[in-house]
Amino acid sequence: MESNYYDGSEKRNYFRIVYKPNQRPILKVKHHEFEVSDISETGLRLLNDRNIQLGADWIRLTAILLDGEAIEMEGKIVWKKDDEFGLRLRTFIPTATIKREKQYSI
């Protein structure tokens, strides 16, 4: 959706939720769990403070959102920096889901 923009210092094409440290969804990949620090319709930023290696191919994952909804998806690591990495999603998260999640993150 081109009409939804991140209102931070840089402009993005999709609305992004930046979570507070004490209120973050969980992303499950195989038997590993990661905190989601921000989310948009097209991707996620994850904390990887245990330096777990996930590989470069598409991976299956489950996001457990703040409202308790579990979303099955596939993602690919597109960048790494320190203890964070970014995942690009193969299938977008529906706009309605992102808007509902925003209500829980306030």
Protein backbone atom coordinates (compact mmCIF):
# COMPACT_ATOMS: atom_id res chain seq x y z
CA MET A 1 0.00 0.00 0.00
CA GLU A 2 1.76 3.12 -1.18
CA SER A 3 -0.46 5.43 0.90
CA ASN A 4 0.85 4.21 4.27
CA TYR A 5 4.16 5.80 5.25
CA TYR A 6 6.45 5.43 8.22
CA ASP A 7 6.49 8.80 9.97
CA GLY A 8 10.07 8.61 11.27
CA SER A 9 13.08 10.34 9.79
CA GLU A 10 13.16 8.11 6.70
CA LYS A 11 10.18 7.42 4.48
CA ARG A 12 9.09 3.88 3.79
CA ASN A 13 6.51 2.46 1.44
CA TYR A 14 4.75 0.40 4.12
CA PHE A 15 3.51 1.24 7.59
CA ARG A 16 5.94 0.00 10.25
CA ILE A 17 5.36 -0.75 13.93
CA VAL A 18 8.38 -0.26 16.19
CA TYR A 19 7.86 -2.20 19.41
CA LYS A 20 8.84 -1.18 22.93
CA PRO A 21 11.51 -3.45 24.46
CA ASN A 22 9.12 -4.81 27.08
CA GLN A 23 6.32 -5.49 24.57
CA ARG A 24 7.48 -7.46 21.54
CA PRO A 25 6.00 -10.30 19.51
CA ILE A 26 7.89 -13.57 19.16
CA LEU A 27 9.08 -15.15 15.95
CA LYS A 28 9.60 -18.90 15.94
CA VAL A 29 11.98 -20.54 13.49
CA LYS A 30 12.30 -24.29 14.02
CA HIS A 31 13.06 -24.57 17.76
CA HIS A 32 14.46 -21.02 18.10
CA GLU A 33 12.58 -17.94 19.28
CA PHE A 34 13.46 -14.33 18.48
CA GLU A 35 12.02 -11.00 19.59
CA VAL A 36 10.53 -8.87 16.82
CA SER A 37 11.69 -5.27 17.21
CA ASP A 38 9.68 -3.94 14.27
CA ILE A 39 7.28 -5.23 11.67
CA SER A 40 5.74 -4.11 8.41
CA GLU A 41 3.62 -5.77 5.76
CA THR A 42 6.74 -6.87 3.90
CA GLY A 43 9.29 -7.68 6.59
CA LEU A 44 10.49 -7.95 10.16
CA ARG A 45 13.51 -6.84 12.19
CA LEU A 46 14.60 -9.48 14.69
CA LEU A 47 16.94 -9.48 17.65
CA ASN A 48 19.51 -12.27 17.55
CA ASP A 49 21.50 -11.78 20.74
CA ARG A 50 22.45 -15.48 20.79
CA ASN A 51 24.01 -15.27 17.30
CA ILE A 52 21.94 -18.13 15.89
CA GLN A 53 22.70 -18.92 12.23
CA LEU A 54 19.62 -19.36 10.03
CA GLY A 55 21.06 -19.68 6.54
CA ALA A 56 20.49 -17.69 3.37
CA ASP A 57 17.53 -19.50 1.81
CA TRP A 58 13.82 -18.97 2.42
CA ILE A 59 12.86 -20.20 5.89
CA ARG A 60 9.50 -21.12 7.37
CA LEU A 61 8.55 -19.14 10.44
CA THR A 62 5.68 -18.35 12.77
CA ALA A 63 5.07 -14.91 14.21
CA ILE A 64 3.10 -14.74 17.47
CA LEU A 65 1.66 -11.22 17.52
CA LEU A 66 0.72 -9.24 20.62
CA ASP A 67 -2.97 -10.09 20.18
CA GLY A 68 -2.04 -13.80 20.25
CA GLU A 69 -2.57 -14.40 16.53
CA ALA A 70 -0.07 -16.83 15.01
CA ILE A 71 0.89 -16.15 11.40
CA GLU A 72 2.69 -18.79 9.34
CA MET A 73 4.96 -17.33 6.66
CA GLU A 74 8.23 -17.61 4.78
CA GLY A 75 11.06 -15.13 5.01
CA LYS A 76 14.60 -14.59 3.84
CA ILE A 77 17.38 -12.83 5.71
CA VAL A 78 18.31 -9.74 3.67
CA TRP A 79 20.64 -7.97 6.11
CA LYS A 80 22.53 -8.50 9.38
CA LYS A 81 24.03 -5.93 11.71
CA ASP A 82 25.40 -6.64 15.19
CA ASP A 83 22.67 -8.59 17.01
CA GLU A 84 19.85 -7.79 14.57
CA PHE A 85 18.77 -9.08 11.21
CA GLY A 86 16.07 -8.22 8.72
CA LEU A 87 13.74 -10.63 7.05
CA ARG A 88 11.91 -9.98 3.80
CA LEU A 89 8.61 -11.85 3.61
CA ARG A 90 7.56 -13.88 0.60
CA THR A 91 3.86 -13.16 1.25
CA PHE A 92 2.86 -9.83 2.74
CA ILE A 93 1.17 -9.55 6.13
CA PRO A 94 -2.35 -8.17 5.50
CA THR A 95 -2.77 -4.44 6.15
CA ALA A 96 -5.70 -5.18 8.48
CA THR A 97 -3.44 -7.39 10.62
CA ILE A 98 -0.80 -4.65 10.88
CA LYS A 99 -3.43 -2.07 11.84
CA ARG A 100 -4.88 -4.39 14.49
CA GLU A 101 -1.40 -5.09 15.84
CA LYS A 102 -0.74 -1.35 16.13
CA GLN A 103 -3.62 -1.11 18.64
CA TYR A 104 -1.88 -3.64 20.91
CA SER A 105 1.52 -1.94 20.69
CA ILE A 106 0.48 1.43 22.13
